[in-house]
Amino acid sequence: MMDPICLVENQNSQLTVNPTALEILDKISQPVVVVAIAGLYRTGKSYLMKCLAGQNHGFPLDSTVWSETKGIWMWCVPHPSKPSHTLVLLDTEGLGDVEKGDPKNDSWIFAPAMLLKSMFVYNSMSTINHQALEQLQYLAKACVDAINSGAVPCLETAVITLAERENSAAMQKAADHYSEQMAQRVSFPTDTLQELLDLHTACEKEAIVICMEHSFKDDKCEFQQKLMDIMEKMKENFLLKNEEESLKYCQAQLTQVSEPLMEGISKGTFSVSEAYILYSEEINKVEHSYDLVLKKGVKVRNKKIGEDQQLVLRVFVGTFEKSKMIGLPVYVK
C-alpha cells in the first residue's frame, strides 16, 4: 500500500467506514500490528508515523493537506522488524484543529482509534494539557466502569471479542478449504478406504495451517479443536458417500456383466438336466468379468450383490434336487 487512505470519516456528524479501506484490510493474510496515534494537529504525528514505518514517504508533513477531511487515516506497510507481519498505522486527523472540527468531533475520532489499535500513542509536544486529559478520560472511565461492574476492562474485552470474531472466521475459512479440496480431489468411488483417508489427512493438514495463520490469540486451541470436530463430521460424510457410490457402481457393473446369464435364464437355457454344470460355467464367466472391472471401490465384496442371483436360482429349485442346489456359487468377489 503506497499511500495512506481514509478508514473512518466523520462527515455531517456521521461516522462512515471507507469500503475501499475495508477491502485493503480484507486482503491482508499476515498477522498485523495496529498502531494508532492521536494528538494535536501539527505536532509531528505524521513524522512519527513515517519513522515507525521506516519509510520516508507516506503521511505528508504539509499541514494544508486534507484540510477538509476529518477522520482516521490508515497506512498498511510491511513491518520493518517483523518478517511476514503487516504494520497498520492509524493517524487521527483534526484533533484540536478548528478548521476541521470541534471537541465533539475529536472525541468521536479518538474513541474508535483506541478500540482499533494494538498499541496507542498519544503525541504531545510538552505537558499533557486539559484537552488531552479530556480525551484520555474515555480510556480511564471505560476501564474503571468495567472493573466496578466485575467485568474485564474494556480493552481486554475488545481483544477477546476481536479474537472470537477473527478465530471464528479463520475456522470457517479453514473448514471451507477442507470441504472444497476434498470435493475437488476425490474421485468416487476410491479404490481403497486408505486412499480416501490419505486424502482426508492431506486436506486436514492444509486446513489446520490456514486456521493457525488466520487465528488470533487462540492460546487454548479451542477454535482449532472445533475445526477438527467439523472436519471429522465432514470426513464421515465423505466415507458414507464413498460407500454409496461404490455399491451403486458395483451393482451397475454386475448387472451389465450378468446380462448373458439373465438372457440364458429367460430363454430356458438352464431348464435341462445338466443345468447345474451350465449355470456354474456362466457364474464363473460372470465372476471373471466382474473381477476385470476397475475402480469398484470399498463395496467390491459386499454380499448384497449376490442377492439377485439367489432369487433367480430359486426359480429353478423345482427342476433339480435340493441337494444339488446347496452351495451354488451365488456370491461374487
Protein backbone atom coordinates (compact mmCIF):
# COMPACT_ATOMS: atom_id res chain seq x y z
CA MET A 1 0.00 0.00 0.00
CA MET A 2 1.86 3.07 -1.27
CA ASP A 3 -0.26 5.88 0.18
CA PRO A 4 -2.49 6.32 3.24
CA ILE A 5 -6.25 6.05 2.80
CA CYS A 6 -9.13 7.28 4.92
CA LEU A 7 -10.52 4.44 7.05
CA VAL A 8 -13.12 6.21 9.21
CA GLU A 9 -14.57 9.52 8.06
CA ASN A 10 -16.70 11.97 10.01
CA GLN A 11 -18.99 13.93 7.72
CA ASN A 12 -22.09 15.80 8.86
CA SER A 13 -21.89 14.30 12.36
CA GLN A 14 -21.92 10.76 10.94
CA LEU A 15 -19.09 8.25 11.16
CA THR A 16 -18.68 6.19 7.99
CA VAL A 17 -16.20 3.49 7.03
CA ASN A 18 -14.50 3.64 3.65
CA PRO A 19 -15.33 0.40 1.73
CA THR A 20 -12.07 0.65 -0.22
CA ALA A 21 -10.10 0.65 3.02
CA LEU A 22 -12.02 -2.40 4.22
CA GLU A 23 -11.15 -4.25 1.01
CA ILE A 24 -7.48 -3.49 1.61
CA LEU A 25 -7.68 -4.86 5.15
CA ASP A 26 -9.61 -7.92 4.00
CA LYS A 27 -6.82 -8.84 1.57
CA ILE A 28 -4.18 -8.88 4.32
CA SER A 29 -3.49 -12.51 5.23
CA GLN A 30 -0.49 -11.87 7.50
CA PRO A 31 -0.62 -11.09 11.23
CA VAL A 32 -0.99 -7.35 11.79
CA VAL A 33 0.32 -4.87 14.33
CA VAL A 34 -2.03 -1.89 14.62
CA VAL A 35 -0.52 1.34 15.94
CA ALA A 36 -2.85 4.31 16.45
CA ILE A 37 -1.56 7.79 17.13
CA ALA A 38 -3.51 10.76 18.41
CA GLY A 39 -2.65 14.25 19.46
CA LEU A 40 -2.95 17.86 18.47
CA TYR A 41 -2.56 18.77 14.84
CA ARG A 42 0.86 19.97 13.67
CA THR A 43 2.70 18.20 16.50
CA GLY A 44 4.76 15.82 14.37
CA LYS A 45 2.39 12.84 14.26
CA SER A 46 2.95 12.24 10.55
CA TYR A 47 6.70 12.36 11.00
CA LEU A 48 6.47 9.88 13.87
CA MET A 49 4.32 7.57 11.75
CA LYS A 50 6.90 7.56 8.96
CA CYS A 51 9.60 6.78 11.49
CA LEU A 52 7.58 3.83 12.77
CA ALA A 53 7.10 2.59 9.22
CA GLY A 54 10.78 3.02 8.45
CA GLN A 55 9.96 4.93 5.27
CA ASN A 56 10.48 8.44 4.00
CA HIS A 57 7.12 8.81 2.31
CA GLY A 58 3.52 8.24 3.32
CA PHE A 59 1.71 10.72 5.55
CA PRO A 60 2.53 14.18 4.14
CA LEU A 61 4.04 16.71 6.51
CA ASP A 62 2.28 19.63 4.84
CA SER A 63 -0.33 20.92 7.27
CA THR A 64 -2.56 22.05 4.43
CA VAL A 65 -3.04 18.53 3.05
CA TRP A 66 -6.50 17.00 3.67
CA SER A 67 -7.59 20.25 5.31
CA GLU A 68 -11.22 19.43 4.60
CA THR A 69 -11.01 15.81 5.76
CA LYS A 70 -11.90 14.55 9.21
CA GLY A 71 -11.42 11.03 10.44
CA ILE A 72 -8.89 8.23 10.84
CA TRP A 73 -6.34 7.62 8.12
CA MET A 74 -4.79 4.21 7.56
CA TRP A 75 -1.45 3.18 6.11
CA CYS A 76 -0.58 -0.51 5.68
CA VAL A 77 3.13 -1.27 5.22
CA PRO A 78 5.41 -4.28 5.76
CA HIS A 79 6.55 -4.44 9.36
CA PRO A 80 10.10 -3.02 9.48
CA SER A 81 11.36 -5.53 12.07
CA LYS A 82 8.93 -8.49 11.98
CA PRO A 83 9.05 -10.54 8.78
CA SER A 84 5.70 -11.79 7.48
CA HIS A 85 3.84 -9.15 9.51
CA THR A 86 1.94 -6.09 8.34
CA LEU A 87 2.12 -2.79 10.19
CA VAL A 88 -1.17 -0.88 10.13
CA LEU A 89 -0.72 2.77 11.11
CA LEU A 90 -3.78 4.80 12.13
CA ASP A 91 -3.45 8.56 12.17
CA THR A 92 -6.26 10.60 13.74
CA GLU A 93 -6.73 13.78 11.77
CA GLY A 94 -8.15 17.02 13.02
CA LEU A 95 -7.70 16.85 16.81
CA GLY A 96 -7.78 20.42 18.01
CA ASP A 97 -7.98 21.85 14.51
CA VAL A 98 -10.83 24.36 14.46
CA GLU A 99 -10.87 24.22 10.67
CA LYS A 100 -11.71 20.51 10.72
CA GLY A 101 -13.91 20.01 13.71
CA ASP A 102 -14.68 20.71 17.34
CA PRO A 103 -14.11 18.85 20.66
CA LYS A 104 -17.09 16.60 19.89
CA ASN A 105 -15.54 15.62 16.58
CA ASP A 106 -12.23 14.96 18.31
CA SER A 107 -13.91 12.63 20.81
CA TRP A 108 -15.68 10.70 18.06
CA ILE A 109 -12.38 10.11 16.27
CA PHE A 110 -10.34 9.46 19.41
CA ALA A 111 -12.58 6.68 20.78
CA PRO A 112 -12.62 4.31 17.76
CA ALA A 113 -8.88 4.80 17.28
CA MET A 114 -8.31 3.41 20.80
CA LEU A 115 -10.53 0.40 20.14
CA LEU A 116 -8.89 -0.47 16.84
CA LYS A 117 -5.27 -0.40 17.92
CA SER A 118 -2.79 -2.92 19.26
CA MET A 119 -0.67 -0.04 20.54
CA PHE A 120 -1.74 3.51 21.22
CA VAL A 121 0.49 6.58 21.04
CA TYR A 122 -0.66 9.91 22.42
CA ASN A 123 1.62 12.55 20.98
CA SER A 124 2.28 15.73 22.93
CA MET A 125 4.93 18.37 22.37
CA SER A 126 5.08 19.42 26.02
CA THR A 127 2.98 18.70 29.08
CA ILE A 128 -0.39 16.95 29.00
CA ASN A 129 -2.91 19.78 28.86
CA HIS A 130 -6.59 19.96 29.75
CA GLN A 131 -7.77 18.88 26.29
CA ALA A 132 -5.51 15.83 26.41
CA LEU A 133 -6.97 14.86 29.78
CA GLU A 134 -10.47 15.18 28.36
CA GLN A 135 -9.57 12.77 25.60
CA LEU A 136 -7.72 10.28 27.81
CA GLN A 137 -10.66 10.21 30.22
CA TYR A 138 -12.57 7.96 27.82
CA LEU A 139 -9.97 5.23 28.22
CA ALA A 140 -9.77 5.61 32.01
CA LYS A 141 -13.53 5.86 32.55
CA ALA A 142 -14.30 2.81 30.43
CA CYS A 143 -11.75 0.70 32.30
CA VAL A 144 -12.95 1.85 35.74
CA ASP A 145 -16.61 1.22 34.88
CA ALA A 146 -15.78 -2.25 33.63
CA ILE A 147 -13.77 -3.10 36.76
CA ASN A 148 -16.50 -1.79 39.09
CA SER A 149 -19.11 -3.91 37.32
CA GLY A 150 -16.98 -7.02 37.74
CA ALA A 151 -16.30 -7.30 34.04
CA VAL A 152 -13.00 -7.42 32.24
CA PRO A 153 -11.62 -3.95 31.41
CA CYS A 154 -12.83 -2.67 28.09
CA LEU A 155 -9.64 -3.10 26.11
CA GLU A 156 -9.29 -6.71 27.17
CA THR A 157 -12.94 -7.26 26.30
CA ALA A 158 -12.34 -5.69 22.92
CA VAL A 159 -9.40 -8.03 22.36
CA ILE A 160 -11.46 -11.06 23.38
CA THR A 161 -14.32 -10.01 21.12
CA LEU A 162 -11.92 -9.43 18.26
CA ALA A 163 -10.25 -12.79 18.88
CA GLU A 164 -13.57 -14.64 18.84
CA ARG A 165 -14.60 -12.94 15.63
CA GLU A 166 -11.28 -13.50 13.89
CA ASN A 167 -10.94 -17.07 15.11
CA SER A 168 -14.47 -17.92 14.02
CA ALA A 169 -13.68 -16.52 10.58
CA ALA A 170 -10.38 -18.42 10.49
CA MET A 171 -12.13 -21.64 11.48
CA GLN A 172 -14.77 -21.19 8.77
CA LYS A 173 -12.15 -20.33 6.16
CA ALA A 174 -10.20 -23.48 7.03
CA ALA A 175 -13.32 -25.67 7.05
CA ASP A 176 -14.35 -24.31 3.64
CA HIS A 177 -10.87 -25.07 2.30
CA TYR A 178 -11.09 -28.65 3.56
CA SER A 179 -14.53 -29.19 2.05
CA GLU A 180 -13.58 -27.64 -1.29
CA GLN A 181 -10.30 -29.53 -1.61
CA MET A 182 -11.85 -32.87 -0.69
CA ALA A 183 -14.62 -32.36 -3.23
CA GLN A 184 -12.13 -31.38 -5.94
CA ARG A 185 -9.56 -34.11 -5.34
CA VAL A 186 -11.67 -37.18 -4.57
CA SER A 187 -12.99 -39.39 -7.33
CA PHE A 188 -15.80 -41.61 -6.08
CA PRO A 189 -15.58 -44.45 -5.54
CA THR A 190 -11.96 -44.69 -4.36
CA ASP A 191 -10.15 -47.97 -4.97
CA THR A 192 -9.45 -48.41 -1.26
CA LEU A 193 -10.53 -46.91 2.02
CA GLN A 194 -6.94 -45.89 2.73
CA GLU A 195 -6.87 -43.77 -0.42
CA LEU A 196 -9.72 -41.66 0.91
CA LEU A 197 -8.21 -41.48 4.41
CA ASP A 198 -4.87 -40.29 2.99
CA LEU A 199 -6.65 -37.56 1.06
CA HIS A 200 -8.50 -36.56 4.23
CA THR A 201 -5.22 -36.31 6.14
CA ALA A 202 -3.62 -34.10 3.48
CA CYS A 203 -6.58 -31.71 3.29
CA GLU A 204 -6.87 -31.68 7.08
CA LYS A 205 -3.24 -30.57 7.45
CA GLU A 206 -3.76 -27.76 4.93
CA ALA A 207 -6.88 -26.58 6.76
CA ILE A 208 -5.08 -26.54 10.13
CA VAL A 209 -2.29 -24.41 8.65
CA ILE A 210 -4.85 -21.93 7.30
CA CYS A 211 -6.62 -21.79 10.67
CA MET A 212 -3.35 -21.15 12.53
CA GLU A 213 -2.26 -18.46 10.07
CA HIS A 214 -5.51 -16.51 10.45
CA SER A 215 -6.30 -17.16 14.12
CA PHE A 216 -5.68 -14.61 16.86
CA LYS A 217 -4.85 -15.45 20.48
CA ASP A 218 -6.31 -18.96 20.26
CA ASP A 219 -3.93 -19.95 23.05
CA LYS A 220 -6.00 -22.93 24.21
CA CYS A 221 -6.60 -24.11 20.62
CA GLU A 222 -10.36 -24.02 21.23
CA PHE A 223 -11.21 -22.98 17.68
CA GLN A 224 -8.68 -25.40 16.25
CA GLN A 225 -10.39 -28.22 18.14
CA LYS A 226 -13.76 -27.05 16.83
CA LEU A 227 -12.28 -27.17 13.35
CA MET A 228 -11.10 -30.74 13.95
CA ASP A 229 -14.61 -31.74 15.04
CA ILE A 230 -16.12 -30.13 11.94
CA MET A 231 -13.67 -31.89 9.63
CA GLU A 232 -14.30 -35.22 11.37
CA LYS A 233 -18.02 -34.92 10.62
CA MET A 234 -17.23 -33.97 7.03
CA LYS A 235 -14.93 -36.99 6.75
CA GLU A 236 -17.71 -39.32 7.91
CA ASN A 237 -19.99 -37.87 5.23
CA PHE A 238 -17.31 -38.44 2.58
CA LEU A 239 -16.83 -42.03 3.79
CA LEU A 240 -20.56 -42.68 3.60
CA LYS A 241 -20.80 -41.18 0.12
CA ASN A 242 -17.83 -43.29 -0.97
CA GLU A 243 -19.59 -46.46 0.18
CA GLU A 244 -22.82 -45.46 -1.51
CA GLU A 245 -21.09 -44.67 -4.80
CA SER A 246 -19.09 -47.90 -4.63
CA LEU A 247 -22.20 -50.01 -4.03
CA LYS A 248 -24.10 -48.25 -6.80
CA TYR A 249 -21.22 -48.72 -9.23
CA CYS A 250 -20.70 -52.39 -8.31
CA GLN A 251 -24.38 -53.18 -8.73
CA ALA A 252 -24.44 -51.47 -12.12
CA GLN A 253 -21.34 -53.33 -13.30
CA LEU A 254 -22.65 -56.66 -12.03
CA THR A 255 -25.94 -56.12 -13.84
CA GLN A 256 -24.02 -55.45 -17.02
CA VAL A 257 -21.72 -58.50 -16.85
CA SER A 258 -24.67 -60.70 -15.82
CA GLU A 259 -26.71 -59.88 -18.94
CA PRO A 260 -25.74 -63.12 -20.80
CA LEU A 261 -26.66 -65.16 -17.72
CA MET A 262 -30.01 -63.44 -17.31
CA GLU A 263 -30.70 -63.81 -21.01
CA GLY A 264 -30.00 -67.55 -20.75
CA ILE A 265 -32.39 -67.83 -17.84
CA SER A 266 -35.14 -66.06 -19.76
CA LYS A 267 -34.63 -68.38 -22.75
CA GLY A 268 -34.75 -71.51 -20.59
CA THR A 269 -31.12 -72.45 -21.19
CA PHE A 270 -30.83 -73.94 -17.71
CA SER A 271 -34.07 -75.95 -17.83
CA VAL A 272 -32.17 -79.11 -18.74
CA SER A 273 -30.63 -81.98 -16.80
CA GLU A 274 -27.11 -80.55 -16.98
CA ALA A 275 -28.31 -77.15 -15.80
CA TYR A 276 -26.02 -77.20 -12.76
CA ILE A 277 -22.91 -77.50 -14.92
CA LEU A 278 -24.09 -74.87 -17.39
CA TYR A 279 -25.04 -72.49 -14.62
CA SER A 280 -21.69 -72.95 -12.86
CA GLU A 281 -19.86 -72.14 -16.08
CA GLU A 282 -21.89 -68.99 -16.62
CA ILE A 283 -21.40 -67.91 -13.00
CA ASN A 284 -17.63 -68.35 -13.39
CA LYS A 285 -17.75 -66.18 -16.51
CA VAL A 286 -19.71 -63.52 -14.62
CA GLU A 287 -17.22 -63.61 -11.74
CA HIS A 288 -14.27 -63.35 -14.11
CA SER A 289 -15.81 -60.42 -16.00
CA TYR A 290 -16.65 -58.69 -12.73
CA ASP A 291 -13.09 -59.16 -11.45
CA LEU A 292 -11.79 -57.33 -14.52
CA VAL A 293 -13.88 -54.24 -13.74
CA LEU A 294 -11.72 -51.42 -12.34
CA LYS A 295 -12.45 -48.94 -9.54
CA LYS A 296 -15.17 -50.94 -7.85
CA GLY A 297 -14.26 -49.34 -4.54
CA VAL A 298 -14.82 -50.36 -0.94
CA LYS A 299 -18.03 -52.33 -1.58
CA VAL A 300 -16.45 -54.73 -4.06
CA ARG A 301 -17.13 -57.74 -1.78
CA ASN A 302 -20.49 -56.66 -0.45
CA LYS A 303 -22.80 -59.69 -0.14
CA LYS A 304 -25.83 -57.74 -1.27
CA ILE A 305 -24.52 -58.00 -4.80
CA GLY A 306 -25.39 -61.69 -4.93
CA GLU A 307 -28.93 -61.41 -3.60
CA ASP A 308 -30.45 -61.03 -7.08
CA GLN A 309 -28.71 -64.21 -8.21
CA GLN A 310 -30.12 -66.09 -5.22
CA LEU A 311 -33.63 -65.04 -6.16
CA VAL A 312 -33.10 -66.13 -9.74
CA LEU A 313 -31.84 -69.56 -8.71
CA ARG A 314 -34.85 -70.20 -6.51
CA VAL A 315 -36.96 -70.18 -9.64
CA PHE A 316 -35.22 -73.39 -10.73
CA VAL A 317 -35.36 -75.25 -7.44
CA GLY A 318 -38.23 -77.36 -8.77
CA THR A 319 -36.11 -78.51 -11.70
CA PHE A 320 -33.31 -80.01 -9.60
CA GLU A 321 -32.99 -81.87 -6.38
CA LYS A 322 -32.49 -79.55 -3.43
CA SER A 323 -29.28 -81.34 -2.50
CA LYS A 324 -27.71 -80.23 -5.76
CA MET A 325 -28.65 -76.61 -5.18
CA ILE A 326 -26.84 -76.27 -1.85
CA GLY A 327 -23.53 -74.43 -2.14
CA LEU A 328 -24.07 -72.88 -5.57
CA PRO A 329 -21.59 -70.01 -6.05
CA VAL A 330 -24.08 -67.18 -5.87
CA TYR A 331 -21.76 -64.61 -4.29
CA VAL A 332 -19.14 -62.73 -6.22
CA LYS A 333 -15.96 -61.08 -5.08
